[in-house]
Amino acid sequence: MNILERMNAVVDYVECHLTEEIDFKHLASLACCSIHTFQRLFSYITDISIVEYIRRRRLSSAALELQQSNIKIVDLATKYNYESPVSFARAFQAVHGITPSEARKPNVSLKMFPKLTFQIIIKGVSEMNYRIVKTESFKVFGLEGIVSTAGDSKYFPHEGAIWSEFNNGKTDSKYDKLQSDAGKSKFQFYDTMFVQDMCNIHGLMNYNQIDDTTYGYMLCSFVTPESKTDGYKIVEIPASLWAVFPYVKDTGRDPGEIWSELYQSFFEWLPASEFEKLDNPEFEMYGWANDHITYELWIPVIKK
């Protein structure tokens, strides 16, 4: 079963269990990857989190039931796993723009979020460049933020917010301090890993899954003899084989769109390759070429 079939199995399972509590661990097992990797892949490929997708499918289904049956609103709220009719009504109105009671009136407009289907469709990608890189184990250190995929306000809503928090434009920002503490010396595998000059700070993912909807993300630098690592989180990266997907065009695009395209490239490349994805740390690497920033997605893989 390839990755497309696995992701379609995920949405099929969600569709059959909309009225039940859905275990993200089971969804990740259907996709054959960790919870964190599954959530990131789902979000990048669909531009919506799995939590939000489930919420929209439930509220779409609930709207149909309101119009086609006499079920009580309190029973509908319970059926679709809402704690109370009030929380259900609030969520329903946020999606449909009207209350559940108003949805029962004739000639009202409601929204339908259809079930997803995963296919290989390349949008805006004229070519798919990649390379395979092998590394020994190494260490990185840096600044960690916690991301919530369920909208918990105690945490960051996405990785971009972590970059904004630590790189806030002030001269004494934590980003600037990390860059200074990284030093200027290159670490031992630099020349075998990269084909261009790289920045000092990168993004590290899939190293710290806290629970089903919360995970760590790091702004990190490579540990070298010159690095000042006191006070930072340190993560050891195991010896790995990496599939690397670069983006080197100077288009002035939003970084989030670029990372989404790179994940799409990986998603489309994997079924036709001789590799499988490993559940190990992943990198968003930044470089510099021809006076503009370049991007590289590093995903650990293993031969089938």
Foldseek 3Di string as FASTA:
>chain_A
DAQQVLLQVLLVVLVVAQQHDDDLCVSCVSNPAGLFVVQVLCCLQPVAGPLVVSLQQLLQVLLVCLQPHDDDLQVSCNRRPHPGSVVVQVSNCVQFVHGSVVSNDPPGDGDHDDGDHDDQDADPDPDWDKDKAWDAKFKKWFDKFKDFCNPDPVGHPDPVVVCCQQPVPDPPGRVNVQQVLLDDDDDDCVVRPDDAAFGQWWKKDLAADPDSGMGMMGTIGTDDPSGDRPPIDMDMFHGFMKMKTKDDDDDPDDVSNVVSNSSSSVSNVRVVDQKDFDSGMWIWTWGDDPHDIMTMTITTIDGD
